[in-house]
Amino acid sequence: MKKTLTIVAVFIVAVTTLKAQNAYVGGHQAWTLSVQGGPVYSINENRFAYVEAGKGSKLFSLQGSLSVGHEFSEAFAIRLNLGYGGNRGAGNNRESGNGFYPYNFKSVNGFVDFLFNLKGDYGTAGFHPALYAGVGAGYSFGFSKPAGYGIQPEAGENWKFHPWQDSQIEEKNVAPALHGGFIAEYDFSEKFGIFADLGVEAYRDNYNGLQPSELDHGTDKGYAGFPFDIRLTASMGIIFRFEH
């Protein structure tokens, strides 16, 4: 009961504070268009292969994205975010003869995000910190042959097999995903601004072309089979606002 009362009290204080900042009044509505890009760091069940090989920095790649959104008030907004970029992976070096077998692949990722402006002042010039969370999916393709591995792909086809479990990746590899993060935005006017976006993305395990197998339950348990493929993102962007 005490915890419930505490939660209710915190909620009332938060709502009161936002109202004081005109978060829900004023009738602000606007469409937004933003472009951003920056580095991505891949974390998944084979990250340790890069670290043990002394190549952890190779897990960085680049991604660019485009977002179209709508601000419903000074505090709340929604956006559709589409991104394209490269990714890094590696065959599990302990289940593949203790070798290091890195590979690359491309992806298109889409999310529907809900944004919350912590100051409740969308539509005004100045600094706007915001949190966001969303659901979506990633489509990964163009897998390269793992370096140092002997099996050759069929002529004219993308690489379909990965050394530590021979998990075949079909032509369409789609992985459901969640993501969230923090945006620090500075608007020079009501129409234009710049921002930094720090986020984390979690994809179903097939995203990077590797999935858990029976080997996960053997002597190398703990080195493979993590239920998600994780990416950390950091990007800079510009945003345009069209009020109506």
Foldseek 3Di string as FASTA:
>chain_A
DVVVVVVVVVVVVLVVQLVVLVLPDDQWKWKKKKKKKDKKAWDALQLVLCVVVVNNVVQIWMKIKIKIKMARFLFKIKIKIKMKIKGKDWFRCVLQVNDTFIKMKIKIWIWIKMKTFSSSGQLFAFKTKIKMKTKTKMWIDQIDGGPPDDDDDDPPGGDAAHRRPRQGDDRTQMWIKMKMWMKIWGGPGSFKTKIKTKMKMWTANPRVPDADDPCCPPPVPPSHHDGTIMMIDIMMMMMGIGTD
